[in-house]
N, C-alpha and C. Protein backbone atom coordinates (compact mmCIF):
# COMPACT_ATOMS: atom_id res chain seq x y z
N UNK A 1 -5.08 22.80 4.55
CA UNK A 1 -4.80 21.83 5.24
C UNK A 1 -3.33 21.26 4.56
N UNK A 2 -2.66 20.85 5.53
CA UNK A 2 -1.06 20.62 4.69
C UNK A 2 -1.30 19.24 5.48
N UNK A 3 -0.40 18.66 4.45
CA UNK A 3 -0.12 17.94 3.71
C UNK A 3 1.10 16.88 4.18
N UNK A 4 1.38 16.05 5.23
CA UNK A 4 2.57 15.30 5.70
C UNK A 4 3.10 14.59 4.47
N UNK A 5 4.20 15.01 4.75
CA UNK A 5 5.60 13.62 3.19
C UNK A 5 5.66 12.08 3.95
N UNK A 6 5.17 11.31 3.31
CA UNK A 6 5.22 10.10 3.54
C UNK A 6 6.95 9.24 4.57
N UNK A 7 7.02 8.67 5.03
CA UNK A 7 8.07 8.39 5.30
C UNK A 7 8.60 7.40 4.48
N UNK A 8 9.70 6.91 3.78
CA UNK A 8 10.26 6.40 2.97
C UNK A 8 10.35 5.34 4.13
N UNK A 9 10.29 4.01 3.23
CA UNK A 9 10.02 2.68 4.17
C UNK A 9 11.50 1.76 3.90
N UNK A 10 11.89 1.28 5.28
CA UNK A 10 13.19 0.82 4.59
C UNK A 10 13.25 -0.42 4.67
N UNK A 11 14.24 -1.79 3.85
CA UNK A 11 14.22 -2.88 3.17
C UNK A 11 15.45 -2.94 3.41
N UNK A 12 15.78 -4.11 3.74
CA UNK A 12 17.31 -3.87 3.45
C UNK A 12 17.59 -6.29 3.57
N UNK A 13 18.18 -7.24 2.14
CA UNK A 13 18.52 -8.39 2.15
C UNK A 13 18.43 -8.91 2.96
N UNK A 14 17.48 -9.69 3.42
CA UNK A 14 17.22 -10.49 5.04
C UNK A 14 16.31 -10.37 6.08
N UNK A 15 15.30 -9.50 5.62
CA UNK A 15 14.18 -8.45 6.36
C UNK A 15 13.33 -9.71 5.58
N UNK A 16 12.57 -10.11 7.04
CA UNK A 16 11.36 -10.41 6.67
C UNK A 16 9.95 -10.05 6.47
N UNK A 17 9.54 -10.27 5.46
CA UNK A 17 7.95 -9.20 5.22
C UNK A 17 6.48 -10.37 4.46
N UNK A 18 5.96 -10.15 4.57
CA UNK A 18 4.78 -10.50 4.56
C UNK A 18 4.27 -10.50 3.19
N UNK A 19 3.81 -11.46 2.73
CA UNK A 19 3.19 -11.05 0.31
C UNK A 19 2.05 -12.49 0.90
N UNK A 20 1.01 -11.16 -0.04
CA UNK A 20 -0.33 -11.74 -0.28
C UNK A 20 0.23 -13.13 -1.13
N UNK A 21 -0.36 -14.55 -0.90
CA UNK A 21 -0.60 -15.48 -1.88
C UNK A 21 -2.19 -15.59 -2.27
N UNK A 22 -2.58 -14.99 -3.61
CA UNK A 22 -3.71 -15.33 -4.54
C UNK A 22 -4.57 -17.09 -4.32
N UNK A 23 -3.24 -17.51 -4.45
CA UNK A 23 -3.49 -19.17 -4.79
C UNK A 23 -3.33 -20.35 -3.61
N UNK A 24 -3.31 -19.68 -2.73
CA UNK A 24 -3.29 -20.58 -0.94
C UNK A 24 -4.47 -20.83 -0.84
N UNK A 25 -5.00 -21.99 -0.04
CA UNK A 25 -6.05 -22.08 -0.06
C UNK A 25 -6.44 -21.64 1.63
N UNK A 26 -5.69 -21.73 2.61
CA UNK A 26 -5.62 -21.29 3.87
C UNK A 26 -5.40 -20.07 4.29
N UNK A 27 -4.37 -19.81 4.60
CA UNK A 27 -3.83 -18.34 4.88
C UNK A 27 -3.06 -17.44 4.08
N UNK A 28 -3.86 -16.81 3.37
CA UNK A 28 -3.68 -15.85 2.58
C UNK A 28 -2.63 -14.52 2.25
N UNK A 29 -1.92 -15.18 3.44
CA UNK A 29 -0.68 -13.87 4.07
C UNK A 29 0.30 -15.05 4.41
N UNK A 30 1.64 -15.03 2.97
CA UNK A 30 3.16 -16.02 3.42
C UNK A 30 3.78 -15.05 3.92
N UNK A 31 4.34 -15.45 5.05
CA UNK A 31 6.39 -14.51 5.75
C UNK A 31 7.15 -15.28 4.26
N UNK A 32 7.64 -14.43 4.07
CA UNK A 32 8.31 -14.20 3.04
C UNK A 32 9.88 -13.58 3.64
N UNK A 33 10.65 -13.42 2.60
CA UNK A 33 12.13 -13.00 2.35
C UNK A 33 12.76 -12.27 1.43
N UNK A 34 13.38 -10.83 2.23
CA UNK A 34 14.25 -9.90 1.14
C UNK A 34 14.90 -10.72 0.85
N UNK A 35 15.46 -11.81 -0.42
CA UNK A 35 16.30 -12.44 -0.69
C UNK A 35 17.46 -11.87 -1.83
N UNK A 36 16.88 -10.76 -2.10
CA UNK A 36 18.42 -10.01 -3.47
C UNK A 36 17.60 -8.60 -3.72
N UNK A 37 18.58 -7.83 -3.94
CA UNK A 37 17.69 -6.74 -4.59
C UNK A 37 18.77 -6.20 -6.23
N UNK A 38 18.78 -5.19 -6.45
CA UNK A 38 19.63 -4.71 -7.84
C UNK A 38 18.93 -3.01 -7.56
N UNK A 39 20.04 -2.04 -8.96
CA UNK A 39 19.47 -0.64 -8.50
C UNK A 39 17.96 -0.73 -8.34
N UNK A 40 17.73 -1.16 -8.55
CA UNK A 40 15.82 -0.88 -9.07
C UNK A 40 14.53 -1.29 -7.99
N UNK A 41 15.00 -2.76 -7.14
CA UNK A 41 14.12 -2.62 -6.85
C UNK A 41 14.34 -3.99 -6.13
N UNK A 42 13.79 -4.65 -4.40
CA UNK A 42 13.84 -5.82 -3.51
C UNK A 42 13.20 -7.01 -4.48
N UNK A 43 13.98 -8.20 -4.12
CA UNK A 43 13.44 -9.35 -4.41
C UNK A 43 13.11 -10.29 -3.31
N UNK A 44 12.12 -10.55 -2.83
CA UNK A 44 11.57 -11.84 -2.28
C UNK A 44 11.15 -12.80 -2.74
N UNK A 45 11.30 -13.65 -1.90
CA UNK A 45 11.23 -15.39 -1.99
C UNK A 45 11.52 -15.86 -0.41
N UNK A 46 11.12 -17.09 -0.32
CA UNK A 46 11.29 -18.13 0.80
C UNK A 46 13.18 -18.00 1.03
N UNK A 47 13.31 -17.74 2.13
CA UNK A 47 14.61 -17.71 2.86
C UNK A 47 15.74 -18.43 2.34
N UNK A 48 15.17 -20.13 1.20
CA UNK A 48 16.01 -21.02 1.52
C UNK A 48 16.87 -20.64 0.10
N UNK A 49 16.25 -19.94 -0.86
CA UNK A 49 16.30 -19.32 -1.50
C UNK A 49 18.16 -18.46 -2.14
N UNK A 50 19.34 -19.32 -3.06
CA UNK A 50 19.60 -18.55 -3.13
C UNK A 50 20.23 -16.86 -4.94
N UNK A 51 19.63 -16.76 -4.45
CA UNK A 51 19.30 -15.07 -4.64
C UNK A 51 20.72 -14.82 -6.50
N UNK A 52 19.84 -15.56 -7.81
CA UNK A 52 20.77 -14.68 -8.54
C UNK A 52 20.30 -13.97 -9.45
N UNK A 53 21.57 -12.76 -9.43
CA UNK A 53 20.84 -11.78 -10.45
C UNK A 53 20.06 -12.14 -11.82
N UNK A 54 20.24 -12.50 -12.20
CA UNK A 54 20.07 -13.08 -13.64
C UNK A 54 19.07 -13.96 -14.01
N UNK A 55 18.30 -14.58 -12.84
CA UNK A 55 17.33 -15.45 -12.34
C UNK A 55 16.29 -14.58 -11.95
N UNK A 56 15.41 -14.07 -11.80
CA UNK A 56 14.62 -13.21 -10.86
C UNK A 56 13.11 -13.19 -10.98
N UNK A 57 12.66 -14.70 -12.67
CA UNK A 57 11.67 -14.14 -12.99
C UNK A 57 11.06 -14.69 -12.14
N UNK A 58 11.08 -15.47 -11.29
CA UNK A 58 10.18 -16.00 -10.23
C UNK A 58 9.71 -15.50 -8.90
N UNK A 59 11.14 -14.64 -8.67
CA UNK A 59 10.99 -14.23 -7.63
C UNK A 59 9.81 -12.56 -6.92
N UNK A 60 9.51 -12.56 -6.51
CA UNK A 60 8.50 -11.41 -6.04
C UNK A 60 9.52 -9.55 -6.10
N UNK A 61 8.70 -9.26 -6.38
CA UNK A 61 9.54 -7.54 -6.14
C UNK A 61 8.81 -6.56 -5.71
N UNK A 62 9.83 -6.02 -5.61
CA UNK A 62 9.19 -4.85 -4.68
C UNK A 62 10.72 -3.38 -4.74
N UNK A 63 9.76 -2.02 -6.09
CA UNK A 63 10.29 -1.57 -6.70
C UNK A 63 11.04 0.28 -5.36
N UNK A 64 12.24 -0.15 -5.88
CA UNK A 64 12.84 1.34 -4.65
C UNK A 64 12.26 2.20 -4.62
N UNK A 65 11.38 2.89 -5.30
CA UNK A 65 11.47 3.79 -5.77
C UNK A 65 9.73 4.14 -4.98
N UNK A 66 8.74 2.89 -5.05
CA UNK A 66 7.43 3.21 -4.28
C UNK A 66 7.90 3.29 -3.46
N UNK A 67 8.63 2.22 -2.83
CA UNK A 67 9.34 3.08 -0.86
C UNK A 67 9.88 3.03 -0.68
N UNK A 68 10.82 5.11 -1.57
CA UNK A 68 11.40 6.24 -1.19
C UNK A 68 10.40 7.00 -1.11
N UNK A 69 9.41 6.42 -2.01
CA UNK A 69 7.93 7.16 -1.25
C UNK A 69 7.11 7.63 -0.39
N UNK A 70 7.79 6.46 0.40
CA UNK A 70 6.60 6.23 1.31
C UNK A 70 5.83 5.46 1.42
N UNK A 71 5.49 4.32 0.41
CA UNK A 71 4.43 3.26 -0.15
C UNK A 71 4.81 2.28 0.15
N UNK A 72 3.55 1.11 0.46
CA UNK A 72 4.82 0.38 0.28
C UNK A 72 2.77 -0.64 -0.79
N UNK A 73 3.57 -1.53 -1.59
CA UNK A 73 2.38 -2.54 -2.51
C UNK A 73 1.90 -2.83 -1.77
N UNK A 74 0.47 -3.26 -2.18
CA UNK A 74 -0.56 -3.42 -1.19
C UNK A 74 -0.91 -5.00 -0.96
N UNK A 75 -0.25 -6.16 -1.74
CA UNK A 75 0.43 -7.12 -1.98
C UNK A 75 1.27 -7.50 -0.68
N UNK A 76 1.91 -6.25 0.43
CA UNK A 76 2.59 -6.64 0.85
C UNK A 76 2.68 -6.24 1.96
N UNK A 77 3.05 -6.56 3.69
CA UNK A 77 3.08 -5.61 4.63
C UNK A 77 3.82 -5.91 5.36
N UNK A 78 4.37 -4.91 6.36
CA UNK A 78 6.10 -5.64 7.61
C UNK A 78 5.56 -6.22 8.84
N UNK A 79 3.79 -6.67 8.88
CA UNK A 79 3.95 -6.89 10.59
C UNK A 79 1.88 -7.34 10.27
N UNK A 80 1.66 -7.88 11.18
CA UNK A 80 0.32 -8.56 11.40
C UNK A 80 -1.03 -6.75 11.08
N UNK A 81 0.09 -5.74 12.63
CA UNK A 81 -0.80 -5.05 11.89
C UNK A 81 -1.19 -4.34 10.17
N UNK A 82 -0.51 -4.15 9.60
CA UNK A 82 -0.87 -3.86 8.49
C UNK A 82 -1.49 -4.66 7.53
N UNK A 83 -1.76 -5.65 7.83
CA UNK A 83 -2.44 -6.59 7.47
C UNK A 83 -3.80 -6.84 7.62
N UNK A 84 -4.18 -6.95 8.83
CA UNK A 84 -5.40 -6.40 9.49
C UNK A 84 -5.50 -5.18 8.56
N UNK A 85 -5.35 -4.30 8.69
CA UNK A 85 -5.84 -2.47 7.88
C UNK A 85 -5.96 -2.16 6.38
N UNK A 86 -5.17 -3.79 6.16
CA UNK A 86 -4.85 -3.59 4.30
C UNK A 86 -6.66 -4.28 3.94
N UNK A 87 -6.44 -5.24 4.99
CA UNK A 87 -8.05 -6.00 4.84
C UNK A 87 -9.19 -5.21 5.47
N UNK A 88 -8.89 -4.43 6.56
CA UNK A 88 -10.02 -3.80 6.19
C UNK A 88 -10.61 -2.54 5.25
N UNK A 89 -9.38 -2.35 5.14
CA UNK A 89 -9.90 -1.31 3.33
C UNK A 89 -10.26 -2.31 2.59
N UNK A 90 -9.76 -3.26 2.57
CA UNK A 90 -9.99 -4.22 1.46
C UNK A 90 -11.27 -4.04 1.27
N UNK A 91 -11.75 -4.78 2.81
CA UNK A 91 -13.22 -5.73 2.85
C UNK A 91 -14.54 -3.78 3.28
N UNK A 92 -14.32 -2.55 3.14
CA UNK A 92 -14.90 -1.27 3.59
C UNK A 92 -14.69 -0.69 2.45
N UNK A 93 -13.93 -0.27 1.92
CA UNK A 93 -13.63 0.76 -0.13
C UNK A 93 -15.06 0.62 0.29
N UNK A 94 -15.60 -0.19 -1.06
CA UNK A 94 -16.32 -0.20 -1.65
C UNK A 94 -18.03 0.11 -0.40
N UNK A 95 -17.87 0.04 0.13
CA UNK A 95 -19.04 0.31 1.29
C UNK A 95 -18.77 1.80 1.59
N UNK A 96 -17.39 2.09 1.36
CA UNK A 96 -17.67 3.73 2.37
C UNK A 96 -18.17 4.93 1.21
N UNK A 97 -17.97 3.83 -0.04
CA UNK A 97 -18.29 4.66 -1.30
C UNK A 97 -19.47 4.81 -1.71
N UNK A 98 -20.10 3.84 -1.48
CA UNK A 98 -21.58 3.62 -1.50
C UNK A 98 -22.47 4.34 -0.77
N UNK A 99 -21.60 4.87 0.93
CA UNK A 99 -22.41 5.72 1.75
C UNK A 99 -21.74 7.15 1.18
N UNK A 100 -20.69 7.23 0.61
CA UNK A 100 -20.20 9.02 0.49
C UNK A 100 -21.32 9.36 -0.36
N UNK A 101 -21.77 8.61 -1.24
CA UNK A 101 -23.63 8.19 -2.78
C UNK A 101 -24.67 9.12 -2.04
N UNK A 102 -24.52 8.59 -0.52
CA UNK A 102 -25.61 9.43 -0.57
C UNK A 102 -26.11 10.32 0.13
N UNK A 103 -27.26 10.96 1.40
CA UNK A 103 -26.91 12.45 1.55
C UNK A 103 -26.12 12.54 1.96
N UNK A 104 -24.83 13.38 1.51
CA UNK A 104 -23.96 13.66 2.48
C UNK A 104 -23.35 15.29 2.07
N UNK A 105 -23.60 16.08 3.04
CA UNK A 105 -23.70 17.74 3.19
C UNK A 105 -22.68 18.29 1.72
N UNK A 106 -22.78 19.57 1.98
CA UNK A 106 -22.10 20.14 0.80
C UNK A 106 -19.84 20.04 1.46
N UNK A 107 -20.05 20.62 3.02
CA UNK A 107 -19.42 20.61 3.56
C UNK A 107 -18.31 19.18 3.82
N UNK A 108 -19.29 17.90 3.98
CA UNK A 108 -18.44 16.13 4.54
C UNK A 108 -18.34 16.60 3.04
N UNK A 109 -18.77 17.23 1.57
CA UNK A 109 -18.08 15.89 0.48
C UNK A 109 -16.85 17.20 0.73
N UNK A 110 -16.91 17.94 0.92
CA UNK A 110 -15.18 19.12 0.84
C UNK A 110 -14.66 18.17 1.88
N UNK A 111 -14.56 18.07 2.55
CA UNK A 111 -13.72 17.37 3.85
C UNK A 111 -13.24 15.94 2.83
N UNK A 112 -14.26 15.14 2.19
CA UNK A 112 -14.08 13.80 1.92
C UNK A 112 -12.86 14.04 0.67
N UNK A 113 -13.28 15.17 -0.29
CA UNK A 113 -12.63 15.51 -1.97
C UNK A 113 -11.02 16.13 -1.30
N UNK A 114 -11.11 17.14 -0.14
CA UNK A 114 -9.58 17.61 0.35
C UNK A 114 -8.62 15.99 0.92
N UNK A 115 -8.94 15.41 1.68
CA UNK A 115 -7.83 14.05 1.43
C UNK A 115 -7.45 12.73 0.14
N UNK A 116 -9.07 12.77 -0.56
CA UNK A 116 -8.84 11.75 -1.56
C UNK A 116 -8.35 12.57 -3.12
N UNK A 117 -9.13 13.14 -3.03
CA UNK A 117 -8.90 13.87 -4.50
C UNK A 117 -9.45 15.41 -4.12
N UNK A 118 -7.85 16.18 -4.13
CA UNK A 118 -7.37 17.24 -3.85
C UNK A 118 -8.32 18.72 -5.06
N UNK A 119 -8.09 17.88 -6.09
CA UNK A 119 -8.30 18.24 -7.66
C UNK A 119 -9.94 18.46 -7.90
N UNK A 120 -10.15 18.02 -6.97
CA UNK A 120 -11.69 18.23 -6.77
C UNK A 120 -12.95 19.93 -5.89
N UNK A 121 -11.23 20.23 -4.39
CA UNK A 121 -11.87 20.86 -3.78
C UNK A 121 -12.40 22.09 -4.83
N UNK A 122 -14.14 22.38 -4.34
CA UNK A 122 -14.43 23.90 -4.96
C UNK A 122 -13.05 25.02 -4.89
N UNK A 123 -14.01 25.91 -5.43
CA UNK A 123 -12.77 26.86 -5.13
C UNK A 123 -13.84 27.61 -4.25
N UNK A 124 -12.69 28.42 -3.31
CA UNK A 124 -13.20 29.49 -2.09
C UNK A 124 -15.22 29.94 -2.35
N UNK A 125 -15.09 30.76 -2.58
CA UNK A 125 -16.14 31.79 -3.11
C UNK A 125 -17.77 30.34 -3.10
N UNK A 126 -17.27 29.85 -3.33
CA UNK A 126 -19.04 28.71 -3.05
C UNK A 126 -18.34 28.07 -1.60
N UNK A 127 -17.31 28.35 -0.40
CA UNK A 127 -17.74 27.36 0.60
C UNK A 127 -18.51 28.86 1.03
N UNK A 128 -18.71 28.77 3.33
CA UNK A 128 -19.62 29.03 3.86
C UNK A 128 -18.71 30.16 4.41
N UNK A 129 -18.76 31.32 4.88
CA UNK A 129 -17.63 32.46 5.28
C UNK A 129 -17.38 32.18 6.95
């Protein structure tokens, strides 16, 4: 099974981004702005904030190395579709884990291991020819 390398996510100051706000009571996702950056991270906040590189503790941050690896932190999304996908994962991950504990065949578990945990894939001599 060949694994494709994820495409890096590109952000720049001024871009809009969705951020999950656990303390908000109504809509948990808030539309924010990339307000600044330094050599290691982008800083996320309301678009009316004047970015001061010496005072960033009150801002959310996304590490550039994470984006370069093609990942987006779970508390951020670029669009509504990505928010919906993250919600689906959050709502179904434990149900799927419980389903995997059920009566799955050797071949089905090997396919799951290839996707989720390649270090658990059994040696070829255990597989059917």
